[in-house]
Amino acid sequence: MDDVGSDQQLPNPTKDAMSDDESKPVVAAQSDAEASNAVTEVPPTPSEPIVKHPLQHRWVLWYDNPKKKLPNESWEENLKTVYTFDTVEDFWCMFNNILPPTKLASGSNYHLFKHGIRPMWEDPINAKGGKWVLTNSRQRRARLDDAWMHTMLALIGECLEDDDDLCGAVVSVRKAQDRIAVWTKTATNESLQKVVGRNFRKVLELNKNEVLKYQSHADAAASGSSYQNEVVYDA
């Protein structure tokens, strides 16, 4: 796994944290010598095989902090792979070994995307898509980590839609406000996007005064801004 290249000292996830303890034989000892002999005669109990629960897709977590980018380094070169997983157990292994969004430096981003899709507008799978955006004010900062966790679980659990239109999600940490965005493939499919938006609202348990906004990647690419673009749909 690559180093995220940040002074945040993100811990490196390990994939070997979920094995069961081996069973230990119990021997009724009549004397020390007899007990010693008895123990040596008991065959070792084989370890139970670790059963992991596969996900429908393989996922990659990325990290970037543009403020830490070297002068001659492009945005894409500053994008670091943190972890790749395709089972429930390996997701939790990753989750329990990285910093939550509220502990990241301002300007940082986590990107959780399906394997094979890079978290950028220019990726062919993203090019005609867009994103549902939750803008999280500084006053609501305390809920950011929990909201991001539930967003990731909804993604990998295939809870937002049934048509394989999801690409990934991004959490962006900023001084004034934070954002969580869910990326989809087809911005023009209004009915499908509104299904995603409604389900995203349920996952986040938003109150009626909070609005999710959908923006297209084409508009973002044209303006050069990730979020200051025309709202195509809302939910």
Protein backbone atom coordinates (compact mmCIF):
# COMPACT_ATOMS: atom_id res chain seq x y z
CA MET A 1 0.00 0.00 0.00
CA ASP A 2 1.32 3.41 -0.91
CA ASP A 3 2.08 6.05 1.69
CA VAL A 4 -0.52 8.78 1.58
CA GLY A 5 2.31 11.33 1.57
CA SER A 6 0.79 13.57 4.25
CA ASP A 7 1.99 14.93 7.55
CA GLN A 8 -1.26 13.55 8.97
CA GLN A 9 0.53 10.22 9.59
CA LEU A 10 -2.34 8.07 8.34
CA PRO A 11 -1.91 4.61 9.83
CA ASN A 12 -1.40 1.85 7.28
CA PRO A 13 -4.30 -0.63 7.33
CA THR A 14 -3.46 -4.25 8.01
CA LYS A 15 -5.41 -7.19 6.72
CA ASP A 16 -4.48 -9.74 9.35
CA ALA A 17 -6.42 -8.47 12.34
CA MET A 18 -9.36 -10.85 12.29
CA SER A 19 -8.10 -14.38 13.12
CA ASP A 20 -9.61 -16.52 15.89
CA ASP A 21 -7.53 -17.81 18.81
CA GLU A 22 -6.55 -21.45 18.47
CA SER A 23 -8.35 -23.81 20.85
CA LYS A 24 -6.24 -25.01 23.77
CA PRO A 25 -6.53 -28.64 24.97
CA VAL A 26 -7.64 -29.12 28.56
CA VAL A 27 -5.98 -32.02 30.40
CA ALA A 28 -6.98 -33.40 33.81
CA ALA A 29 -3.58 -33.78 35.48
CA GLN A 30 -2.94 -36.51 38.09
CA SER A 31 0.69 -35.49 38.47
CA ASP A 32 3.08 -33.07 36.79
CA ALA A 33 4.76 -35.88 34.85
CA GLU A 34 1.45 -37.43 33.74
CA ALA A 35 0.09 -34.03 32.75
CA SER A 36 3.18 -33.31 30.71
CA ASN A 37 2.91 -36.64 28.90
CA ALA A 38 -0.80 -36.17 28.33
CA VAL A 39 -0.38 -32.76 26.77
CA THR A 40 2.15 -34.04 24.27
CA GLU A 41 -0.28 -36.75 23.19
CA VAL A 42 -3.14 -34.36 22.38
CA PRO A 43 -3.07 -33.47 18.67
CA PRO A 44 -3.18 -29.73 17.95
CA THR A 45 -6.57 -28.32 17.09
CA PRO A 46 -6.50 -26.82 13.59
CA SER A 47 -7.36 -23.15 13.33
CA GLU A 48 -10.79 -22.33 12.01
CA PRO A 49 -10.57 -20.92 8.48
CA ILE A 50 -11.37 -17.22 8.29
CA VAL A 51 -14.59 -16.77 6.34
CA LYS A 52 -14.88 -13.35 4.71
CA HIS A 53 -18.03 -11.90 3.21
CA PRO A 54 -17.48 -10.69 -0.36
CA LEU A 55 -18.85 -7.39 -1.61
CA GLN A 56 -20.50 -7.01 -5.00
CA HIS A 57 -17.66 -4.75 -6.18
CA ARG A 58 -14.03 -4.12 -5.36
CA TRP A 59 -13.35 -0.67 -3.88
CA VAL A 60 -10.36 1.66 -3.59
CA LEU A 61 -9.87 4.40 -1.01
CA TRP A 62 -7.81 7.38 -2.20
CA TYR A 63 -6.45 10.41 -0.35
CA ASP A 64 -5.20 13.79 -1.44
CA ASN A 65 -4.29 17.12 0.08
CA PRO A 66 -3.59 19.76 -2.59
CA LYS A 67 -1.87 21.96 -0.01
CA LYS A 68 0.85 19.32 0.33
CA LYS A 69 1.37 19.01 -3.41
CA LEU A 70 4.91 19.58 -4.64
CA PRO A 71 5.41 22.53 -7.03
CA ASN A 72 6.00 20.29 -10.05
CA GLU A 73 3.41 17.68 -9.05
CA SER A 74 0.03 17.46 -10.78
CA TRP A 75 -3.23 16.92 -8.92
CA GLU A 76 -3.37 13.36 -10.18
CA GLU A 77 0.19 12.68 -9.00
CA ASN A 78 -0.78 13.99 -5.56
CA LEU A 79 -3.64 11.47 -5.40
CA LYS A 80 -2.55 8.51 -3.28
CA THR A 81 -4.04 5.03 -3.01
CA VAL A 82 -4.69 4.16 0.63
CA TYR A 83 -6.34 0.73 0.48
CA THR A 84 -8.15 -1.70 -1.81
CA PHE A 85 -10.75 -4.14 -0.49
CA ASP A 86 -13.57 -6.41 -1.62
CA THR A 87 -14.90 -7.96 1.59
CA VAL A 88 -16.86 -6.64 4.56
CA GLU A 89 -14.08 -7.63 6.95
CA ASP A 90 -11.40 -5.81 4.97
CA PHE A 91 -13.54 -2.67 4.85
CA TRP A 92 -13.67 -2.59 8.65
CA CYS A 93 -9.96 -3.36 8.82
CA MET A 94 -9.35 -0.25 6.71
CA PHE A 95 -11.91 1.89 8.54
CA ASN A 96 -10.43 1.10 11.95
CA ASN A 97 -6.90 1.99 10.86
CA ILE A 98 -7.26 5.38 9.18
CA LEU A 99 -7.95 8.86 10.48
CA PRO A 100 -11.58 10.03 10.38
CA PRO A 101 -12.31 13.07 8.21
CA THR A 102 -12.45 15.46 11.18
CA LYS A 103 -8.83 14.59 12.01
CA LEU A 104 -7.53 15.40 8.51
CA ALA A 105 -5.90 18.70 7.60
CA SER A 106 -8.09 21.33 5.98
CA GLY A 107 -8.02 20.87 2.22
CA SER A 108 -7.85 17.08 2.42
CA ASN A 109 -10.14 14.64 0.63
CA TYR A 110 -10.96 10.96 0.92
CA HIS A 111 -12.31 9.31 -2.25
CA LEU A 112 -13.96 5.86 -2.15
CA PHE A 113 -14.48 4.58 -5.70
CA LYS A 114 -15.14 1.32 -7.45
CA HIS A 115 -11.97 -0.36 -8.62
CA GLY A 116 -11.16 0.78 -12.14
CA ILE A 117 -12.71 4.26 -11.76
CA ARG A 118 -10.39 7.12 -10.89
CA PRO A 119 -11.90 9.88 -8.72
CA MET A 120 -11.71 12.60 -11.34
CA TRP A 121 -14.09 14.22 -13.85
CA GLU A 122 -11.89 13.15 -16.76
CA ASP A 123 -12.28 9.42 -16.13
CA PRO A 124 -14.41 8.06 -19.02
CA ILE A 125 -16.89 6.46 -16.62
CA ASN A 126 -17.38 9.75 -14.76
CA ALA A 127 -17.35 12.11 -17.75
CA LYS A 128 -21.12 12.10 -18.40
CA GLY A 129 -22.10 11.86 -14.77
CA GLY A 130 -22.47 14.12 -11.79
CA LYS A 131 -22.72 14.14 -8.03
CA TRP A 132 -25.16 14.55 -5.18
CA VAL A 133 -23.67 17.02 -2.69
CA LEU A 134 -24.28 17.49 1.02
CA THR A 135 -22.80 20.75 2.30
CA ASN A 136 -22.06 20.34 5.99
CA SER A 137 -21.69 23.59 7.92
CA ARG A 138 -19.04 24.09 10.59
CA GLN A 139 -21.82 24.09 13.20
CA ARG A 140 -22.62 20.49 12.18
CA ARG A 141 -19.00 19.34 12.08
CA ALA A 142 -19.58 16.76 14.80
CA ARG A 143 -21.73 14.61 12.50
CA LEU A 144 -19.21 14.50 9.61
CA ASP A 145 -17.41 11.30 10.59
CA ASP A 146 -20.64 9.39 11.17
CA ALA A 147 -22.18 10.71 7.94
CA TRP A 148 -19.10 9.63 5.96
CA MET A 149 -19.13 6.17 7.52
CA HIS A 150 -22.80 5.65 6.62
CA THR A 151 -22.18 6.96 3.10
CA MET A 152 -19.41 4.41 2.59
CA LEU A 153 -21.57 1.61 4.00
CA ALA A 154 -24.42 2.57 1.67
CA LEU A 155 -22.04 2.49 -1.29
CA ILE A 156 -20.40 -0.85 -0.64
CA GLY A 157 -23.71 -2.35 0.47
CA GLU A 158 -25.38 -1.26 -2.81
CA CYS A 159 -28.12 0.58 -0.89
CA LEU A 160 -28.51 3.71 -3.04
CA GLU A 161 -29.70 2.25 -6.37
CA ASP A 162 -29.98 -1.00 -8.32
CA ASP A 163 -28.74 0.01 -11.79
CA ASP A 164 -24.95 0.06 -11.24
CA ASP A 165 -24.87 3.82 -11.83
CA LEU A 166 -22.79 4.65 -8.76
CA CYS A 167 -19.10 5.44 -9.14
CA GLY A 168 -18.00 6.44 -5.66
CA ALA A 169 -18.08 9.13 -2.99
CA VAL A 170 -15.88 11.95 -1.73
CA VAL A 171 -15.58 13.69 1.62
CA SER A 172 -13.90 17.10 1.44
CA VAL A 173 -12.60 18.77 4.59
CA ARG A 174 -12.53 22.58 4.49
CA LYS A 175 -12.26 25.45 6.98
CA ALA A 176 -15.66 27.03 6.40
CA GLN A 177 -17.70 23.92 5.58
CA ASP A 178 -17.24 20.28 4.66
CA ARG A 179 -18.89 18.31 1.88
CA ILE A 180 -19.84 14.73 1.12
CA ALA A 181 -20.60 13.91 -2.50
CA VAL A 182 -21.90 10.73 -4.15
CA TRP A 183 -20.79 10.38 -7.79
CA THR A 184 -22.94 8.74 -10.48
CA LYS A 185 -22.45 7.87 -14.17
CA THR A 186 -25.40 9.40 -16.03
CA ALA A 187 -26.38 12.95 -15.14
CA THR A 188 -29.17 13.02 -17.75
CA ASN A 189 -31.10 10.13 -16.18
CA GLU A 190 -33.32 12.26 -13.95
CA SER A 191 -35.51 9.48 -12.55
CA LEU A 192 -32.51 7.38 -11.55
CA GLN A 193 -30.65 10.31 -10.02
CA LYS A 194 -33.66 11.26 -7.94
CA VAL A 195 -33.84 7.71 -6.60
CA VAL A 196 -30.20 8.01 -5.56
CA GLY A 197 -30.87 11.42 -4.01
CA ARG A 198 -33.84 10.20 -1.98
CA ASN A 199 -31.93 7.18 -0.72
CA PHE A 200 -28.90 9.32 0.11
CA ARG A 201 -31.16 11.55 2.22
CA LYS A 202 -32.43 8.52 4.13
CA VAL A 203 -28.91 7.25 4.77
CA LEU A 204 -27.84 10.64 6.14
CA GLU A 205 -31.10 11.12 8.08
CA LEU A 206 -31.31 14.75 6.97
CA ASN A 207 -33.92 17.07 8.37
CA LYS A 208 -36.49 18.66 6.06
CA ASN A 209 -34.58 21.97 5.88
CA GLU A 210 -31.43 20.36 4.46
CA VAL A 211 -31.24 20.01 0.69
CA LEU A 212 -29.07 17.71 -1.39
CA LYS A 213 -28.02 19.22 -4.71
CA TYR A 214 -27.02 17.41 -7.90
CA GLN A 215 -24.41 18.96 -10.20
CA SER A 216 -22.97 17.63 -13.45
CA HIS A 217 -19.28 16.92 -13.99
CA ALA A 218 -19.50 18.63 -17.39
CA ASP A 219 -20.39 21.91 -15.67
CA ALA A 220 -17.62 21.39 -13.13
CA ALA A 221 -15.06 20.75 -15.86
CA ALA A 222 -16.19 23.84 -17.77
CA SER A 223 -16.07 26.12 -14.73
CA GLY A 224 -13.02 24.57 -13.11
CA SER A 225 -14.89 24.46 -9.80
CA SER A 226 -15.85 21.30 -7.97
CA TYR A 227 -18.99 22.65 -6.32
CA GLN A 228 -19.90 26.16 -7.53
CA ASN A 229 -22.07 24.98 -10.41
CA GLU A 230 -25.67 24.94 -11.57
CA VAL A 231 -27.98 22.68 -9.58
CA VAL A 232 -29.51 20.14 -11.95
CA TYR A 233 -31.72 18.31 -9.42
CA ASP A 234 -32.39 18.50 -5.71
CA ALA A 235 -33.61 16.02 -3.12
